[in-house]
N, C-alpha and C. Protein backbone atom coordinates (compact mmCIF):
# COMPACT_ATOMS: atom_id res chain seq x y z
N MET A 1 68.35 15.67 53.36
CA MET A 1 67.46 14.54 53.39
C MET A 1 65.98 15.03 53.51
N LYS A 2 65.69 16.07 54.26
CA LYS A 2 64.35 16.55 54.43
C LYS A 2 63.86 17.05 53.06
N THR A 3 64.74 17.60 52.33
CA THR A 3 64.26 18.17 51.03
C THR A 3 63.90 17.05 50.11
N ASP A 4 64.55 15.95 50.16
CA ASP A 4 64.26 14.73 49.31
C ASP A 4 62.88 14.20 49.65
N LYS A 5 62.59 14.13 50.97
CA LYS A 5 61.25 13.61 51.42
C LYS A 5 60.17 14.55 50.93
N SER A 6 60.43 15.77 51.07
CA SER A 6 59.33 16.76 50.65
C SER A 6 59.06 16.67 49.18
N VAL A 7 60.13 16.43 48.36
CA VAL A 7 59.96 16.31 46.90
C VAL A 7 59.17 15.03 46.61
N LYS A 8 59.49 13.94 47.30
CA LYS A 8 58.74 12.70 47.03
C LYS A 8 57.29 12.90 47.40
N GLU A 9 57.02 13.57 48.53
CA GLU A 9 55.62 13.75 48.94
C GLU A 9 54.87 14.57 48.00
N THR A 10 55.45 15.59 47.42
CA THR A 10 54.79 16.37 46.42
C THR A 10 54.59 15.64 45.17
N ALA A 11 55.51 14.76 44.78
CA ALA A 11 55.34 13.93 43.65
C ALA A 11 54.22 12.91 43.77
N ILE A 12 54.06 12.40 44.96
CA ILE A 12 52.99 11.45 45.20
C ILE A 12 51.65 12.10 45.24
N ASN A 13 51.53 13.33 45.71
CA ASN A 13 50.29 14.03 45.85
C ASN A 13 49.80 14.63 44.59
N MET A 14 50.57 14.69 43.53
CA MET A 14 50.20 15.35 42.23
C MET A 14 49.10 14.72 41.51
N PRO A 15 49.03 13.35 41.30
CA PRO A 15 48.01 12.82 40.41
C PRO A 15 46.66 12.66 41.04
N GLU A 16 46.09 13.68 41.57
CA GLU A 16 44.75 13.66 42.15
C GLU A 16 43.66 14.16 41.21
N ILE A 17 44.09 14.78 40.08
CA ILE A 17 43.17 15.33 39.10
C ILE A 17 42.54 14.15 38.26
N LYS A 18 41.23 14.07 38.21
CA LYS A 18 40.50 13.04 37.45
C LYS A 18 40.40 13.54 36.08
N SER A 19 41.47 13.37 35.30
CA SER A 19 41.45 13.80 33.91
C SER A 19 40.63 12.92 33.03
N ASP A 20 40.58 11.61 33.34
CA ASP A 20 39.90 10.64 32.51
C ASP A 20 38.36 10.90 32.54
N ASP A 21 37.88 11.19 33.81
CA ASP A 21 36.45 11.47 33.96
C ASP A 21 36.04 12.75 33.20
N LYS A 22 36.93 13.74 33.25
CA LYS A 22 36.61 15.00 32.60
C LYS A 22 36.60 14.83 31.07
N ALA A 23 37.49 13.94 30.61
CA ALA A 23 37.62 13.81 29.13
C ALA A 23 36.45 12.95 28.63
N LYS A 24 35.92 11.98 29.51
CA LYS A 24 34.87 11.06 28.98
C LYS A 24 33.50 11.78 28.91
N ALA A 25 33.23 12.78 29.84
CA ALA A 25 31.97 13.37 29.97
C ALA A 25 31.55 14.09 28.67
N PRO A 26 32.34 14.90 28.08
CA PRO A 26 31.87 15.52 26.84
C PRO A 26 31.72 14.59 25.69
N LEU A 27 32.46 13.39 25.74
CA LEU A 27 32.28 12.44 24.61
C LEU A 27 30.90 11.76 24.67
N LEU A 28 30.49 11.45 25.93
CA LEU A 28 29.15 10.91 26.05
C LEU A 28 28.07 11.84 25.60
N ASN A 29 28.19 13.08 26.01
CA ASN A 29 27.21 14.11 25.62
C ASN A 29 27.21 14.32 24.13
N SER A 30 28.42 14.27 23.51
CA SER A 30 28.43 14.49 22.02
C SER A 30 27.82 13.35 21.27
N SER A 31 27.95 12.05 21.83
CA SER A 31 27.36 10.93 21.18
C SER A 31 25.85 10.99 21.20
N LYS A 32 25.30 11.47 22.40
CA LYS A 32 23.88 11.68 22.45
C LYS A 32 23.35 12.68 21.56
N ALA A 33 24.10 13.74 21.38
CA ALA A 33 23.74 14.87 20.47
C ALA A 33 23.71 14.36 19.03
N ILE A 34 24.71 13.52 18.68
CA ILE A 34 24.78 12.93 17.30
C ILE A 34 23.60 12.03 17.09
N ALA A 35 23.17 11.25 18.06
CA ALA A 35 22.08 10.32 17.89
C ALA A 35 20.75 11.12 17.66
N VAL A 36 20.61 12.22 18.40
CA VAL A 36 19.43 13.05 18.26
C VAL A 36 19.37 13.72 16.84
N THR A 37 20.45 14.24 16.40
CA THR A 37 20.51 14.92 15.08
C THR A 37 20.36 13.97 13.96
N VAL A 38 20.71 12.68 14.12
CA VAL A 38 20.60 11.70 13.05
C VAL A 38 19.16 11.25 13.02
N GLU A 39 18.48 11.08 14.12
CA GLU A 39 17.10 10.50 14.13
C GLU A 39 16.13 11.45 13.51
N GLN A 40 16.24 12.75 13.70
CA GLN A 40 15.27 13.67 13.16
C GLN A 40 15.25 13.76 11.65
N PRO A 41 16.38 13.83 10.93
CA PRO A 41 16.34 13.84 9.46
C PRO A 41 15.80 12.50 8.96
N ASN A 42 16.11 11.32 9.67
CA ASN A 42 15.61 10.06 9.15
C ASN A 42 14.07 10.01 9.25
N ARG A 43 13.54 10.53 10.30
CA ARG A 43 12.09 10.58 10.44
C ARG A 43 11.45 11.49 9.43
N GLY A 44 12.10 12.66 9.14
CA GLY A 44 11.51 13.60 8.13
C GLY A 44 11.58 12.97 6.73
N SER A 45 12.67 12.31 6.36
CA SER A 45 12.71 11.69 5.03
C SER A 45 11.72 10.62 4.89
N LYS A 46 11.51 9.75 5.86
CA LYS A 46 10.49 8.69 5.76
C LYS A 46 9.08 9.28 5.68
N LYS A 47 8.85 10.39 6.40
CA LYS A 47 7.55 11.02 6.28
C LYS A 47 7.32 11.53 4.85
N GLY A 48 8.33 12.11 4.26
CA GLY A 48 8.24 12.57 2.83
C GLY A 48 7.98 11.45 1.93
N ILE A 49 8.60 10.34 2.16
CA ILE A 49 8.40 9.16 1.26
C ILE A 49 6.98 8.65 1.42
N ALA A 50 6.44 8.59 2.69
CA ALA A 50 5.09 8.18 2.89
C ALA A 50 4.08 9.14 2.25
N SER A 51 4.31 10.44 2.24
CA SER A 51 3.47 11.39 1.53
C SER A 51 3.49 11.16 0.01
N GLY A 52 4.68 10.93 -0.49
CA GLY A 52 4.72 10.58 -1.98
C GLY A 52 3.97 9.31 -2.26
N ASP A 53 4.10 8.28 -1.35
CA ASP A 53 3.34 7.03 -1.51
C ASP A 53 1.83 7.31 -1.61
N PHE A 54 1.32 8.17 -0.80
CA PHE A 54 -0.08 8.45 -0.80
C PHE A 54 -0.55 9.11 -2.08
N VAL A 55 0.25 10.04 -2.60
CA VAL A 55 -0.08 10.69 -3.82
C VAL A 55 -0.04 9.68 -5.02
N LEU A 56 0.99 8.83 -5.04
CA LEU A 56 1.10 7.82 -6.15
C LEU A 56 -0.06 6.89 -6.10
N ARG A 57 -0.57 6.57 -4.90
CA ARG A 57 -1.67 5.66 -4.79
C ARG A 57 -2.96 6.28 -5.39
N LEU A 58 -3.16 7.57 -5.22
CA LEU A 58 -4.24 8.29 -5.83
C LEU A 58 -4.19 8.15 -7.29
N PHE A 59 -2.95 8.44 -7.86
CA PHE A 59 -2.78 8.38 -9.33
C PHE A 59 -3.05 7.01 -9.84
N ALA A 60 -2.45 5.99 -9.20
CA ALA A 60 -2.64 4.61 -9.59
C ALA A 60 -4.09 4.19 -9.56
N MET A 61 -4.76 4.60 -8.59
CA MET A 61 -6.19 4.26 -8.39
C MET A 61 -7.01 4.86 -9.51
N GLY A 62 -6.75 6.14 -9.85
CA GLY A 62 -7.45 6.80 -10.96
C GLY A 62 -7.19 6.13 -12.31
N ALA A 63 -5.89 5.74 -12.50
CA ALA A 63 -5.55 5.05 -13.82
C ALA A 63 -6.23 3.71 -13.90
N ALA A 64 -6.15 2.88 -12.76
CA ALA A 64 -6.80 1.57 -12.86
C ALA A 64 -8.30 1.69 -12.97
N LEU A 65 -8.96 2.60 -12.30
CA LEU A 65 -10.41 2.78 -12.37
C LEU A 65 -10.79 3.22 -13.76
N GLY A 66 -10.05 4.18 -14.28
CA GLY A 66 -10.33 4.70 -15.65
C GLY A 66 -10.19 3.63 -16.67
N ALA A 67 -9.15 2.74 -16.54
CA ALA A 67 -8.98 1.64 -17.52
C ALA A 67 -10.17 0.71 -17.45
N ALA A 68 -10.64 0.40 -16.21
CA ALA A 68 -11.78 -0.59 -16.00
C ALA A 68 -13.09 -0.01 -16.57
N VAL A 69 -13.33 1.27 -16.25
CA VAL A 69 -14.53 1.85 -16.79
C VAL A 69 -14.55 2.04 -18.32
N THR A 70 -13.36 2.40 -18.87
CA THR A 70 -13.30 2.59 -20.29
C THR A 70 -13.52 1.26 -21.04
N MET A 71 -12.87 0.18 -20.58
CA MET A 71 -13.06 -1.03 -21.24
C MET A 71 -14.49 -1.59 -21.04
N GLY A 72 -15.02 -1.37 -19.80
CA GLY A 72 -16.31 -1.93 -19.49
C GLY A 72 -17.41 -1.24 -20.36
N ASN A 73 -17.21 -0.02 -20.73
CA ASN A 73 -18.23 0.69 -21.56
C ASN A 73 -17.87 0.58 -23.09
N ASN A 74 -16.92 -0.23 -23.47
CA ASN A 74 -16.45 -0.29 -24.82
C ASN A 74 -17.37 -1.19 -25.62
N LYS A 75 -18.00 -0.61 -26.60
CA LYS A 75 -18.82 -1.36 -27.57
C LYS A 75 -18.96 -0.52 -28.84
N GLN A 76 -19.27 -1.20 -29.89
CA GLN A 76 -19.51 -0.50 -31.25
C GLN A 76 -20.47 -1.34 -32.04
N ILE A 77 -21.44 -0.64 -32.57
CA ILE A 77 -22.48 -1.27 -33.43
C ILE A 77 -22.16 -0.90 -34.89
N LEU A 78 -22.12 -1.93 -35.68
CA LEU A 78 -21.83 -1.76 -37.11
C LEU A 78 -23.01 -2.24 -37.98
N PRO A 79 -23.69 -1.38 -38.66
CA PRO A 79 -24.86 -1.76 -39.47
C PRO A 79 -24.43 -2.69 -40.66
N PHE A 80 -25.31 -3.47 -41.08
CA PHE A 80 -25.05 -4.38 -42.13
C PHE A 80 -26.22 -4.40 -43.13
N PHE A 81 -26.02 -3.75 -44.25
CA PHE A 81 -26.96 -3.60 -45.33
C PHE A 81 -28.26 -2.85 -44.94
N THR A 82 -28.94 -3.39 -44.02
CA THR A 82 -30.19 -2.85 -43.58
C THR A 82 -30.12 -2.48 -42.09
N GLN A 83 -31.09 -1.69 -41.62
CA GLN A 83 -31.10 -1.31 -40.28
C GLN A 83 -31.57 -2.41 -39.34
N PHE A 84 -32.08 -3.52 -39.88
CA PHE A 84 -32.59 -4.57 -39.10
C PHE A 84 -31.49 -5.56 -38.73
N ILE A 85 -30.41 -5.54 -39.41
CA ILE A 85 -29.25 -6.43 -39.15
C ILE A 85 -28.06 -5.61 -38.75
N GLU A 86 -27.51 -5.85 -37.59
CA GLU A 86 -26.36 -5.17 -37.09
C GLU A 86 -25.30 -6.07 -36.46
N PHE A 87 -24.08 -5.69 -36.53
CA PHE A 87 -23.01 -6.30 -35.82
C PHE A 87 -22.64 -5.56 -34.61
N LEU A 88 -22.53 -6.31 -33.47
CA LEU A 88 -22.22 -5.58 -32.15
C LEU A 88 -20.92 -6.18 -31.72
N ALA A 89 -20.00 -5.30 -31.35
CA ALA A 89 -18.73 -5.70 -30.69
C ALA A 89 -18.67 -5.02 -29.36
N GLN A 90 -18.49 -5.82 -28.27
CA GLN A 90 -18.40 -5.32 -26.90
C GLN A 90 -17.31 -6.12 -26.15
N TYR A 91 -16.96 -5.55 -25.01
CA TYR A 91 -15.79 -6.09 -24.36
C TYR A 91 -16.02 -7.54 -23.83
N ASN A 92 -17.24 -7.87 -23.40
CA ASN A 92 -17.47 -9.21 -22.86
C ASN A 92 -17.52 -10.31 -23.94
N ASP A 93 -17.42 -9.95 -25.22
CA ASP A 93 -17.24 -10.94 -26.28
C ASP A 93 -15.89 -11.62 -26.24
N ILE A 94 -14.87 -11.00 -25.58
CA ILE A 94 -13.51 -11.47 -25.47
C ILE A 94 -13.23 -11.75 -24.01
N THR A 95 -12.85 -12.97 -23.67
CA THR A 95 -12.66 -13.28 -22.28
C THR A 95 -11.50 -12.53 -21.66
N THR A 96 -10.46 -12.27 -22.46
CA THR A 96 -9.37 -11.54 -21.96
C THR A 96 -9.76 -10.08 -21.48
N PHE A 97 -10.65 -9.48 -22.23
CA PHE A 97 -11.13 -8.16 -21.80
C PHE A 97 -12.02 -8.22 -20.58
N VAL A 98 -12.73 -9.27 -20.40
CA VAL A 98 -13.44 -9.47 -19.10
C VAL A 98 -12.54 -9.56 -17.93
N TYR A 99 -11.44 -10.31 -18.10
CA TYR A 99 -10.42 -10.43 -17.05
C TYR A 99 -9.81 -9.05 -16.83
N PHE A 100 -9.58 -8.33 -17.91
CA PHE A 100 -8.95 -6.97 -17.79
C PHE A 100 -9.85 -6.08 -16.93
N VAL A 101 -11.17 -6.06 -17.19
CA VAL A 101 -12.03 -5.22 -16.41
C VAL A 101 -12.09 -5.65 -14.93
N THR A 102 -12.16 -6.91 -14.70
CA THR A 102 -12.21 -7.47 -13.34
C THR A 102 -10.96 -7.12 -12.56
N ALA A 103 -9.77 -7.35 -13.25
CA ALA A 103 -8.52 -7.15 -12.61
C ALA A 103 -8.31 -5.68 -12.22
N ASN A 104 -8.55 -4.77 -13.10
CA ASN A 104 -8.33 -3.35 -12.90
C ASN A 104 -9.34 -2.82 -11.83
N ALA A 105 -10.57 -3.35 -11.89
CA ALA A 105 -11.57 -2.85 -10.88
C ALA A 105 -11.08 -3.34 -9.49
N ALA A 106 -10.56 -4.54 -9.41
CA ALA A 106 -10.08 -5.08 -8.08
C ALA A 106 -8.86 -4.31 -7.60
N VAL A 107 -7.98 -3.92 -8.49
CA VAL A 107 -6.83 -3.17 -8.13
C VAL A 107 -7.24 -1.79 -7.63
N ALA A 108 -8.14 -1.15 -8.35
CA ALA A 108 -8.65 0.19 -7.94
C ALA A 108 -9.30 0.10 -6.50
N GLY A 109 -10.06 -0.95 -6.30
CA GLY A 109 -10.67 -1.15 -5.00
C GLY A 109 -9.62 -1.34 -3.87
N TYR A 110 -8.63 -2.08 -4.21
CA TYR A 110 -7.56 -2.35 -3.21
C TYR A 110 -6.78 -1.04 -2.92
N LEU A 111 -6.50 -0.23 -3.95
CA LEU A 111 -5.81 1.01 -3.72
C LEU A 111 -6.64 1.92 -2.84
N PHE A 112 -7.95 1.92 -3.06
CA PHE A 112 -8.79 2.77 -2.22
C PHE A 112 -8.77 2.35 -0.72
N LEU A 113 -8.74 1.05 -0.51
CA LEU A 113 -8.76 0.51 0.84
C LEU A 113 -7.38 0.68 1.50
N SER A 114 -6.36 0.82 0.67
CA SER A 114 -4.95 0.92 1.19
C SER A 114 -4.65 2.40 1.64
N LEU A 115 -5.49 3.37 1.27
CA LEU A 115 -5.25 4.78 1.53
C LEU A 115 -5.13 4.97 3.11
N PRO A 116 -6.01 4.41 3.95
CA PRO A 116 -5.87 4.62 5.37
C PRO A 116 -4.51 4.08 5.92
N PHE A 117 -4.02 3.00 5.37
CA PHE A 117 -2.74 2.48 5.81
C PHE A 117 -1.61 3.43 5.36
N SER A 118 -1.80 4.04 4.24
CA SER A 118 -0.78 5.02 3.82
C SER A 118 -0.79 6.23 4.71
N VAL A 119 -1.98 6.63 5.18
CA VAL A 119 -2.05 7.77 6.16
C VAL A 119 -1.35 7.40 7.42
N ILE A 120 -1.56 6.16 7.85
CA ILE A 120 -0.85 5.74 9.09
C ILE A 120 0.69 5.82 8.99
N CYS A 121 1.19 5.43 7.79
CA CYS A 121 2.57 5.52 7.49
C CYS A 121 3.09 6.99 7.50
N ILE A 122 2.20 7.96 7.14
CA ILE A 122 2.58 9.36 7.23
C ILE A 122 2.63 9.84 8.60
N ASN A 123 1.67 9.42 9.46
CA ASN A 123 1.63 9.84 10.88
C ASN A 123 2.70 9.17 11.69
N ARG A 124 3.00 7.91 11.35
CA ARG A 124 4.00 7.12 12.00
C ARG A 124 5.09 6.63 11.00
N PRO A 125 5.92 7.51 10.55
CA PRO A 125 6.87 7.13 9.48
C PRO A 125 7.90 6.09 9.88
N LEU A 126 8.14 5.90 11.20
CA LEU A 126 9.07 4.86 11.60
C LEU A 126 8.51 3.47 11.77
N ALA A 127 7.21 3.36 11.66
CA ALA A 127 6.54 2.06 11.79
C ALA A 127 6.81 1.16 10.60
N THR A 128 7.15 -0.03 10.83
CA THR A 128 7.48 -0.95 9.75
C THR A 128 6.37 -1.93 9.39
N THR A 129 5.51 -2.29 10.30
CA THR A 129 4.53 -3.32 10.06
C THR A 129 3.55 -2.92 8.96
N PRO A 130 2.87 -1.69 9.07
CA PRO A 130 1.98 -1.34 7.96
C PRO A 130 2.63 -1.19 6.64
N ARG A 131 3.87 -0.71 6.65
CA ARG A 131 4.62 -0.55 5.45
C ARG A 131 4.94 -1.90 4.77
N LEU A 132 5.29 -2.91 5.57
CA LEU A 132 5.55 -4.24 5.12
C LEU A 132 4.34 -4.90 4.54
N VAL A 133 3.16 -4.69 5.23
CA VAL A 133 1.93 -5.28 4.67
C VAL A 133 1.62 -4.69 3.34
N LEU A 134 1.79 -3.37 3.19
CA LEU A 134 1.46 -2.69 1.92
C LEU A 134 2.39 -3.18 0.83
N VAL A 135 3.66 -3.40 1.19
CA VAL A 135 4.59 -3.83 0.12
C VAL A 135 4.16 -5.21 -0.45
N ILE A 136 3.72 -6.08 0.43
CA ILE A 136 3.35 -7.41 0.03
C ILE A 136 2.11 -7.34 -0.91
N PHE A 137 1.12 -6.65 -0.48
CA PHE A 137 -0.11 -6.54 -1.38
C PHE A 137 0.10 -5.73 -2.58
N ASP A 138 0.92 -4.67 -2.49
CA ASP A 138 1.26 -3.84 -3.67
C ASP A 138 1.97 -4.70 -4.78
N THR A 139 2.83 -5.63 -4.36
CA THR A 139 3.46 -6.44 -5.29
C THR A 139 2.50 -7.39 -6.00
N VAL A 140 1.57 -7.94 -5.26
CA VAL A 140 0.55 -8.84 -5.82
C VAL A 140 -0.26 -8.08 -6.84
N MET A 141 -0.72 -6.87 -6.42
CA MET A 141 -1.58 -6.05 -7.30
C MET A 141 -0.84 -5.60 -8.58
N MET A 142 0.44 -5.28 -8.45
CA MET A 142 1.19 -4.94 -9.64
C MET A 142 1.26 -6.07 -10.61
N GLY A 143 1.43 -7.31 -10.12
CA GLY A 143 1.53 -8.43 -10.98
C GLY A 143 0.18 -8.61 -11.68
N ILE A 144 -0.93 -8.46 -11.01
CA ILE A 144 -2.29 -8.67 -11.62
C ILE A 144 -2.48 -7.58 -12.65
N THR A 145 -2.08 -6.35 -12.43
CA THR A 145 -2.29 -5.26 -13.32
C THR A 145 -1.47 -5.50 -14.63
N ILE A 146 -0.19 -5.88 -14.49
CA ILE A 146 0.64 -6.09 -15.55
C ILE A 146 0.23 -7.23 -16.46
N THR A 147 -0.23 -8.35 -15.78
CA THR A 147 -0.70 -9.53 -16.54
C THR A 147 -1.97 -9.14 -17.38
N ALA A 148 -2.92 -8.44 -16.74
CA ALA A 148 -4.12 -8.00 -17.36
C ALA A 148 -3.84 -7.14 -18.59
N ALA A 149 -2.96 -6.20 -18.35
CA ALA A 149 -2.57 -5.25 -19.46
C ALA A 149 -1.89 -5.93 -20.60
N SER A 150 -0.95 -6.87 -20.22
CA SER A 150 -0.16 -7.55 -21.26
C SER A 150 -1.00 -8.46 -22.10
N ALA A 151 -1.92 -9.21 -21.42
CA ALA A 151 -2.79 -10.07 -22.20
C ALA A 151 -3.79 -9.30 -23.10
N SER A 152 -4.30 -8.19 -22.57
CA SER A 152 -5.21 -7.36 -23.43
C SER A 152 -4.47 -6.70 -24.61
N ALA A 153 -3.15 -6.31 -24.28
CA ALA A 153 -2.34 -5.71 -25.35
C ALA A 153 -2.11 -6.67 -26.53
N SER A 154 -1.87 -8.00 -26.17
CA SER A 154 -1.70 -8.94 -27.25
C SER A 154 -3.00 -9.15 -28.07
N MET A 155 -4.17 -9.08 -27.45
CA MET A 155 -5.41 -9.16 -28.15
C MET A 155 -5.68 -7.95 -29.03
N VAL A 156 -5.34 -6.80 -28.54
CA VAL A 156 -5.49 -5.56 -29.33
C VAL A 156 -4.56 -5.59 -30.52
N TYR A 157 -3.31 -6.08 -30.34
CA TYR A 157 -2.41 -6.22 -31.44
C TYR A 157 -2.91 -7.19 -32.47
N LEU A 158 -3.46 -8.26 -32.04
CA LEU A 158 -4.02 -9.28 -32.94
C LEU A 158 -5.21 -8.65 -33.70
N ALA A 159 -6.05 -7.85 -33.01
CA ALA A 159 -7.18 -7.26 -33.70
C ALA A 159 -6.73 -6.22 -34.64
N HIS A 160 -5.65 -5.48 -34.49
CA HIS A 160 -5.18 -4.52 -35.42
C HIS A 160 -4.51 -5.17 -36.65
N ASN A 161 -3.70 -6.22 -36.42
CA ASN A 161 -2.91 -6.72 -37.45
C ASN A 161 -3.28 -8.11 -38.00
N GLY A 162 -4.08 -8.85 -37.25
CA GLY A 162 -4.48 -10.16 -37.64
C GLY A 162 -3.32 -11.15 -37.55
N ASN A 163 -3.57 -12.34 -38.09
CA ASN A 163 -2.53 -13.36 -38.12
C ASN A 163 -2.58 -14.16 -39.40
N GLN A 164 -1.66 -13.95 -40.31
CA GLN A 164 -1.76 -14.60 -41.62
C GLN A 164 -1.63 -16.09 -41.55
N ASN A 165 -0.82 -16.63 -40.59
CA ASN A 165 -0.59 -18.12 -40.46
C ASN A 165 -1.88 -18.82 -40.06
N THR A 166 -2.69 -18.19 -39.30
CA THR A 166 -3.92 -18.79 -38.85
C THR A 166 -5.20 -18.26 -39.62
N THR A 167 -4.95 -17.35 -40.68
CA THR A 167 -5.93 -16.79 -41.44
C THR A 167 -6.92 -15.95 -40.60
N TRP A 168 -6.41 -15.33 -39.57
CA TRP A 168 -7.23 -14.43 -38.84
C TRP A 168 -7.09 -13.00 -39.35
N LEU A 169 -8.25 -12.45 -39.76
CA LEU A 169 -8.29 -11.18 -40.43
C LEU A 169 -8.23 -10.03 -39.31
N PRO A 170 -7.71 -8.88 -39.71
CA PRO A 170 -7.70 -7.75 -38.79
C PRO A 170 -9.12 -7.33 -38.40
N PHE A 171 -9.35 -7.34 -37.08
CA PHE A 171 -10.69 -7.08 -36.57
C PHE A 171 -10.99 -5.60 -36.64
N CYS A 172 -9.92 -4.81 -36.42
CA CYS A 172 -10.09 -3.32 -36.32
C CYS A 172 -10.35 -2.57 -37.60
N GLN A 173 -10.35 -3.27 -38.74
CA GLN A 173 -10.64 -2.64 -39.99
C GLN A 173 -12.12 -2.25 -40.06
N GLN A 174 -12.95 -3.06 -39.35
CA GLN A 174 -14.35 -2.80 -39.35
C GLN A 174 -14.77 -2.08 -38.02
N PHE A 175 -14.18 -2.47 -36.91
CA PHE A 175 -14.51 -1.84 -35.65
C PHE A 175 -13.37 -1.07 -35.14
N GLY A 176 -13.15 0.07 -35.80
CA GLY A 176 -11.98 0.97 -35.42
C GLY A 176 -12.12 1.66 -34.10
N ASN A 177 -13.37 2.16 -33.82
CA ASN A 177 -13.60 2.89 -32.55
C ASN A 177 -13.41 1.88 -31.34
N PHE A 178 -13.87 0.66 -31.53
CA PHE A 178 -13.83 -0.30 -30.50
C PHE A 178 -12.36 -0.63 -30.12
N CYS A 179 -11.52 -0.74 -31.14
CA CYS A 179 -10.09 -1.06 -30.93
C CYS A 179 -9.30 0.10 -30.40
N GLN A 180 -9.73 1.34 -30.77
CA GLN A 180 -9.03 2.50 -30.23
C GLN A 180 -9.34 2.69 -28.69
N THR A 181 -10.62 2.42 -28.39
CA THR A 181 -10.97 2.51 -26.97
C THR A 181 -10.29 1.45 -26.19
N ALA A 182 -10.18 0.23 -26.68
CA ALA A 182 -9.53 -0.79 -26.06
C ALA A 182 -7.93 -0.50 -25.83
N SER A 183 -7.40 0.06 -26.85
CA SER A 183 -5.98 0.48 -26.76
C SER A 183 -5.76 1.57 -25.74
N GLY A 184 -6.67 2.48 -25.56
CA GLY A 184 -6.56 3.50 -24.53
C GLY A 184 -6.68 2.91 -23.11
N ALA A 185 -7.56 1.89 -22.98
CA ALA A 185 -7.77 1.26 -21.69
C ALA A 185 -6.49 0.49 -21.28
N VAL A 186 -5.86 -0.13 -22.25
CA VAL A 186 -4.66 -0.94 -22.02
C VAL A 186 -3.53 0.04 -21.57
N VAL A 187 -3.40 1.20 -22.18
CA VAL A 187 -2.41 2.19 -21.79
C VAL A 187 -2.63 2.65 -20.35
N GLY A 188 -3.90 2.86 -20.02
CA GLY A 188 -4.22 3.34 -18.64
C GLY A 188 -3.81 2.25 -17.60
N SER A 189 -4.05 0.96 -17.96
CA SER A 189 -3.70 -0.07 -17.07
C SER A 189 -2.15 -0.20 -16.85
N LEU A 190 -1.42 0.00 -17.99
CA LEU A 190 0.05 0.03 -17.83
C LEU A 190 0.52 1.18 -17.01
N VAL A 191 -0.14 2.27 -17.18
CA VAL A 191 0.24 3.48 -16.30
C VAL A 191 0.00 3.09 -14.83
N ALA A 192 -1.11 2.49 -14.52
CA ALA A 192 -1.37 2.03 -13.16
C ALA A 192 -0.30 1.10 -12.66
N GLY A 193 0.12 0.19 -13.50
CA GLY A 193 1.15 -0.78 -13.06
C GLY A 193 2.46 -0.05 -12.86
N THR A 194 2.81 0.96 -13.63
CA THR A 194 3.97 1.69 -13.46
C THR A 194 3.96 2.47 -12.14
N PHE A 195 2.81 3.06 -11.81
CA PHE A 195 2.68 3.77 -10.50
C PHE A 195 2.88 2.80 -9.37
N LEU A 196 2.32 1.64 -9.45
CA LEU A 196 2.53 0.62 -8.39
C LEU A 196 3.97 0.24 -8.26
N MET A 197 4.64 0.14 -9.39
CA MET A 197 6.07 -0.16 -9.29
C MET A 197 6.87 0.95 -8.50
N PHE A 198 6.52 2.22 -8.83
CA PHE A 198 7.23 3.24 -8.11
C PHE A 198 6.84 3.25 -6.58
N ILE A 199 5.58 2.84 -6.29
CA ILE A 199 5.16 2.77 -4.90
C ILE A 199 5.93 1.67 -4.20
N ILE A 200 6.19 0.58 -4.81
CA ILE A 200 7.02 -0.47 -4.22
C ILE A 200 8.39 -0.05 -3.97
N ILE A 201 8.95 0.68 -4.92
CA ILE A 201 10.29 1.24 -4.76
C ILE A 201 10.37 2.11 -3.55
N LEU A 202 9.46 3.05 -3.47
CA LEU A 202 9.38 4.00 -2.35
C LEU A 202 9.30 3.27 -1.00
N SER A 203 8.45 2.24 -0.98
CA SER A 203 8.31 1.43 0.28
C SER A 203 9.61 0.72 0.61
N ALA A 204 10.34 0.31 -0.39
CA ALA A 204 11.59 -0.43 -0.11
C ALA A 204 12.63 0.56 0.55
N PHE A 205 12.62 1.85 0.00
CA PHE A 205 13.51 2.83 0.58
C PHE A 205 13.04 3.15 2.05
N ALA A 206 11.75 3.22 2.26
CA ALA A 206 11.24 3.52 3.58
C ALA A 206 11.61 2.43 4.59
N LEU A 207 11.48 1.13 4.16
CA LEU A 207 11.83 0.09 5.03
C LEU A 207 13.34 0.02 5.28
N LYS A 208 14.14 0.44 4.42
CA LYS A 208 15.58 0.50 4.59
C LYS A 208 15.96 1.53 5.59
């Protein structure tokens, strides 16, 4: 009988080891380690996206400013019989080209003012407020750039080919240099719009 009691006592005294606590401790530590290792690459990738955004803004600003300056200085003088009579073609003769110059100049000015916000996004890649503000204004400016370029492209096409249904003659047969310069300005504006589109895509990835 004494042996049975001793066996029972030993059986009761056995489960004193806190195996659950020992098992949970390394799991908590491992979860913290995983959180730290995941946060660092996320911060680095967003900082890289912000740096690419800054570079694209410089390119877009240069393209928009170049398009505005090129179209704003576009003119051609065509002599007619004598030196006292001349035909002059310049951008402000066409309202669409005036809108083109104004729109691209405004976009270039906005991109210049947005550079400090882009720098803030580089220094604070996890901040969402400045990135969200930039996305909203970038979308508006992309729309303005594309509309100005598209409207001017239609005018350049009409100047090159004319319209037989309305008896509009091709304008560029006489003013070839003027039309070529206008075409180059339109291409520059489309390039600026393309850069803005890529900027918006990068911002969307950064916000995600």
